[in-house]
PDB file of N, CA and C in Angstrom:
ATOM      1  N   UNK A   1     132.970  74.077  97.890  1.00  0.00           N
ATOM      2  CA  UNK A   1     131.920  74.682  98.696  1.00  0.00           C
ATOM      3  C   UNK A   1     130.698  74.960  97.825  1.00  0.00           C
ATOM      4  N   UNK A   2     129.535  74.696  98.359  1.00  0.00           N
ATOM      5  CA  UNK A   2     128.301  74.883  97.603  1.00  0.00           C
ATOM      6  C   UNK A   2     127.855  76.339  97.653  1.00  0.00           C
ATOM      7  N   UNK A   3     127.196  76.746  96.592  1.00  0.00           N
ATOM      8  CA  UNK A   3     126.619  78.081  96.502  1.00  0.00           C
ATOM      9  C   UNK A   3     125.424  78.154  97.445  1.00  0.00           C
ATOM     10  N   UNK A   4     125.135  79.326  97.983  1.00  0.00           N
ATOM     11  CA  UNK A   4     124.008  79.517  98.900  1.00  0.00           C
ATOM     12  C   UNK A   4     122.694  79.012  98.332  1.00  0.00           C
ATOM     13  N   UNK A   5     122.440  79.277  97.049  1.00  0.00           N
ATOM     14  CA  UNK A   5     121.188  78.833  96.421  1.00  0.00           C
ATOM     15  C   UNK A   5     121.079  77.316  96.454  1.00  0.00           C
ATOM     16  N   UNK A   6     122.206  76.619  96.240  1.00  0.00           N
ATOM     17  CA  UNK A   6     122.185  75.154  96.295  1.00  0.00           C
ATOM     18  C   UNK A   6     121.827  74.671  97.688  1.00  0.00           C
ATOM     19  N   UNK A   7     122.359  75.336  98.708  1.00  0.00           N
ATOM     20  CA  UNK A   7     122.067  74.939 100.085  1.00  0.00           C
ATOM     21  C   UNK A   7     120.599  75.197 100.412  1.00  0.00           C
ATOM     22  N   UNK A   8     120.062  76.331  99.960  1.00  0.00           N
ATOM     23  CA  UNK A   8     118.639  76.615 100.191  1.00  0.00           C
ATOM     24  C   UNK A   8     117.770  75.581  99.510  1.00  0.00           C
ATOM     25  N   UNK A   9     118.144  75.206  98.294  1.00  0.00           N
ATOM     26  CA  UNK A   9     117.379  74.226  97.542  1.00  0.00           C
ATOM     27  C   UNK A   9     117.379  72.883  98.258  1.00  0.00           C
ATOM     28  N   UNK A  10     118.537  72.463  98.764  1.00  0.00           N
ATOM     29  CA  UNK A  10     118.618  71.195  99.497  1.00  0.00           C
ATOM     30  C   UNK A  10     117.781  71.259 100.763  1.00  0.00           C
ATOM     31  N   UNK A  11     117.831  72.378 101.468  1.00  0.00           N
ATOM     32  CA  UNK A  11     117.052  72.524 102.697  1.00  0.00           C
ATOM     33  C   UNK A  11     115.558  72.471 102.387  1.00  0.00           C
ATOM     34  N   UNK A  12     115.163  73.073 101.265  1.00  0.00           N
ATOM     35  CA  UNK A  12     113.747  73.064 100.885  1.00  0.00           C
ATOM     36  C   UNK A  12     113.248  71.656 100.612  1.00  0.00           C
ATOM     37  N   UNK A  13     114.104  70.835 100.032  1.00  0.00           N
ATOM     38  CA  UNK A  13     113.687  69.455  99.725  1.00  0.00           C
ATOM     39  C   UNK A  13     113.474  68.633 100.987  1.00  0.00           C
ATOM     40  N   UNK A  14     114.079  69.053 102.089  1.00  0.00           N
ATOM     41  CA  UNK A  14     113.946  68.313 103.347  1.00  0.00           C
ATOM     42  C   UNK A  14     112.720  68.742 104.138  1.00  0.00           C
ATOM     43  N   UNK A  15     112.032  69.784 103.677  1.00  0.00           N
ATOM     44  CA  UNK A  15     110.821  70.230 104.362  1.00  0.00           C
ATOM     45  C   UNK A  15     109.696  69.222 104.159  1.00  0.00           C
ATOM     46  N   UNK A  16     108.760  69.240 105.076  1.00  0.00           N
ATOM     47  CA  UNK A  16     107.586  68.382 104.926  1.00  0.00           C
ATOM     48  C   UNK A  16     106.787  68.838 103.710  1.00  0.00           C
ATOM     49  N   UNK A  17     105.994  67.949 103.143  1.00  0.00           N
ATOM     50  CA  UNK A  17     105.172  68.351 101.994  1.00  0.00           C
ATOM     51  C   UNK A  17     104.295  69.565 102.294  1.00  0.00           C
ATOM     52  N   UNK A  18     103.750  69.652 103.492  1.00  0.00           N
ATOM     53  CA  UNK A  18     102.882  70.802 103.817  1.00  0.00           C
ATOM     54  C   UNK A  18     103.703  72.094 103.897  1.00  0.00           C
ATOM     55  N   UNK A  19     104.925  72.028 104.406  1.00  0.00           N
ATOM     56  CA  UNK A  19     105.787  73.210 104.465  1.00  0.00           C
ATOM     57  C   UNK A  19     106.206  73.637 103.058  1.00  0.00           C
ATOM     58  N   UNK A  20     106.471  72.661 102.192  1.00  0.00           N
ATOM     59  CA  UNK A  20     106.804  72.984 100.804  1.00  0.00           C
ATOM     60  C   UNK A  20     105.620  73.666 100.123  1.00  0.00           C
ATOM     61  N   UNK A  21     104.434  73.191 100.393  1.00  0.00           N
ATOM     62  CA  UNK A  21     103.231  73.780  99.809  1.00  0.00           C
ATOM     63  C   UNK A  21     103.059  75.225 100.276  1.00  0.00           C
ATOM     64  N   UNK A  22     103.329  75.492 101.542  1.00  0.00           N
ATOM     65  CA  UNK A  22     103.231  76.860 102.060  1.00  0.00           C
ATOM     66  C   UNK A  22     104.228  77.781 101.364  1.00  0.00           C
ATOM     67  N   UNK A  23     105.446  77.288 101.121  1.00  0.00           N
ATOM     68  CA  UNK A  23     106.438  78.076 100.385  1.00  0.00           C
ATOM     69  C   UNK A  23     105.952  78.367  98.971  1.00  0.00           C
ATOM     70  N   UNK A  24     105.374  77.364  98.322  1.00  0.00           N
ATOM     71  CA  UNK A  24     104.842  77.549  96.963  1.00  0.00           C
ATOM     72  C   UNK A  24     103.732  78.596  96.955  1.00  0.00           C
ATOM     73  N   UNK A  25     102.818  78.505  97.917  1.00  0.00           N
ATOM     74  CA  UNK A  25     101.710  79.461  97.985  1.00  0.00           C
ATOM     75  C   UNK A  25     102.229  80.882  98.187  1.00  0.00           C
ATOM     76  N   UNK A  26     103.203  81.048  99.067  1.00  0.00           N
ATOM     77  CA  UNK A  26     103.798  82.357  99.298  1.00  0.00           C
ATOM     78  C   UNK A  26     104.443  82.884  98.020  1.00  0.00           C
ATOM     79  N   UNK A  27     105.206  82.033  97.354  1.00  0.00           N
ATOM     80  CA  UNK A  27     105.898  82.438  96.127  1.00  0.00           C
ATOM     81  C   UNK A  27     104.901  82.864  95.054  1.00  0.00           C
ATOM     82  N   UNK A  28     103.840  82.107  94.884  1.00  0.00           N
ATOM     83  CA  UNK A  28     102.832  82.427  93.871  1.00  0.00           C
ATOM     84  C   UNK A  28     102.140  83.741  94.213  1.00  0.00           C
ATOM     85  N   UNK A  29     101.792  83.919  95.481  1.00  0.00           N
ATOM     86  CA  UNK A  29     101.132  85.154  95.914  1.00  0.00           C
ATOM     87  C   UNK A  29     102.009  86.365  95.620  1.00  0.00           C
ATOM     88  N   UNK A  30     103.288  86.301  95.970  1.00  0.00           N
ATOM     89  CA  UNK A  30     104.202  87.422  95.741  1.00  0.00           C
ATOM     90  C   UNK A  30     104.381  87.686  94.250  1.00  0.00           C
ATOM     91  N   UNK A  31     104.515  86.628  93.473  1.00  0.00           N
ATOM     92  CA  UNK A  31     104.691  86.774  92.029  1.00  0.00           C
ATOM     93  C   UNK A  31     103.468  87.417  91.388  1.00  0.00           C
ATOM     94  N   UNK A  32     102.273  86.989  91.813  1.00  0.00           N
ATOM     95  CA  UNK A  32     101.038  87.562  91.269  1.00  0.00           C
ATOM     96  C   UNK A  32     100.874  89.032  91.652  1.00  0.00           C
ATOM     97  N   UNK A  33     101.522  89.442  92.732  1.00  0.00           N
ATOM     98  CA  UNK A  33     101.481  90.847  93.149  1.00  0.00           C
ATOM     99  C   UNK A  33     102.482  91.686  92.353  1.00  0.00           C
ATOM    100  N   UNK A  34     103.201  91.035  91.434  1.00  0.00           N
ATOM    101  CA  UNK A  34     104.107  91.770  90.555  1.00  0.00           C
ATOM    102  C   UNK A  34     105.573  91.721  90.934  1.00  0.00           C
ATOM    103  N   UNK A  35     105.909  90.947  91.944  1.00  0.00           N
ATOM    104  CA  UNK A  35     107.298  90.848  92.358  1.00  0.00           C
ATOM    105  C   UNK A  35     108.084  89.989  91.369  1.00  0.00           C
ATOM    106  N   UNK A  36     109.339  90.336  91.138  1.00  0.00           N
ATOM    107  CA  UNK A  36     110.166  89.562  90.208  1.00  0.00           C
ATOM    108  C   UNK A  36     110.429  88.167  90.773  1.00  0.00           C
ATOM    109  N   UNK A  37     110.707  87.229  89.881  1.00  0.00           N
ATOM    110  CA  UNK A  37     111.007  85.865  90.325  1.00  0.00           C
ATOM    111  C   UNK A  37     112.250  85.844  91.204  1.00  0.00           C
ATOM    112  N   UNK A  38     113.214  86.687  90.896  1.00  0.00           N
ATOM    113  CA  UNK A  38     114.440  86.741  91.699  1.00  0.00           C
ATOM    114  C   UNK A  38     114.122  87.191  93.128  1.00  0.00           C
ATOM    115  N   UNK A  39     113.313  88.228  93.277  1.00  0.00           N
ATOM    116  CA  UNK A  39     112.960  88.735  94.606  1.00  0.00           C
ATOM    117  C   UNK A  39     112.109  87.714  95.362  1.00  0.00           C
ATOM    118  N   UNK A  40     111.175  87.086  94.655  1.00  0.00           N
ATOM    119  CA  UNK A  40     110.342  86.048  95.283  1.00  0.00           C
ATOM    120  C   UNK A  40     111.226  84.932  95.822  1.00  0.00           C
ATOM    121  N   UNK A  41     112.202  84.513  95.029  1.00  0.00           N
ATOM    122  CA  UNK A  41     113.112  83.436  95.440  1.00  0.00           C
ATOM    123  C   UNK A  41     113.911  83.838  96.669  1.00  0.00           C
ATOM    124  N   UNK A  42     114.358  85.088  96.718  1.00  0.00           N
ATOM    125  CA  UNK A  42     115.110  85.565  97.888  1.00  0.00           C
ATOM    126  C   UNK A  42     114.247  85.505  99.144  1.00  0.00           C
ATOM    127  N   UNK A  43     113.008  85.946  99.035  1.00  0.00           N
ATOM    128  CA  UNK A  43     112.104  85.978 100.196  1.00  0.00           C
ATOM    129  C   UNK A  43     111.710  84.555 100.615  1.00  0.00           C
ATOM    130  N   UNK A  44     111.397  83.714  99.644  1.00  0.00           N
ATOM    131  CA  UNK A  44     110.939  82.354  99.941  1.00  0.00           C
ATOM    132  C   UNK A  44     112.091  81.404 100.279  1.00  0.00           C
ATOM    133  N   UNK A  45     113.322  81.846 100.020  1.00  0.00           N
ATOM    134  CA  UNK A  45     114.471  80.983 100.325  1.00  0.00           C
ATOM    135  C   UNK A  45     114.641  79.868  99.317  1.00  0.00           C
ATOM    136  N   UNK A  46     114.352  80.173  98.068  1.00  0.00           N
ATOM    137  CA  UNK A  46     114.488  79.190  96.996  1.00  0.00           C
ATOM    138  C   UNK A  46     115.357  79.763  95.884  1.00  0.00           C
ATOM    139  N   UNK A  47     115.451  79.057  94.785  1.00  0.00           N
ATOM    140  CA  UNK A  47     116.172  79.574  93.627  1.00  0.00           C
ATOM    141  C   UNK A  47     115.157  80.010  92.575  1.00  0.00           C
ATOM    142  N   UNK A  48     115.459  81.084  91.853  1.00  0.00           N
ATOM    143  CA  UNK A  48     114.510  81.542  90.841  1.00  0.00           C
ATOM    144  C   UNK A  48     114.465  80.622  89.648  1.00  0.00           C
ATOM    145  N   UNK A  49     113.303  80.501  89.042  1.00  0.00           N
ATOM    146  CA  UNK A  49     113.173  79.735  87.796  1.00  0.00           C
ATOM    147  C   UNK A  49     113.506  80.677  86.659  1.00  0.00           C
ATOM    148  N   UNK A  50     114.400  80.243  85.842  1.00  0.00           N
ATOM    149  CA  UNK A  50     114.814  81.098  84.723  1.00  0.00           C
ATOM    150  C   UNK A  50     114.201  80.648  83.437  1.00  0.00           C
TER     151      UNK A  50
END
């Protein structure tokens, strides 16, 4: 069985390029506001970069 993060990552790759860009913009905005990468990943539905 796959880990939840792996499933989110696979689902993200299936998004359209414009939807992926929106996720990136959201993640960057939250990170610049001081949110941790882990929390940003949880909100954006991605995996954190370590």
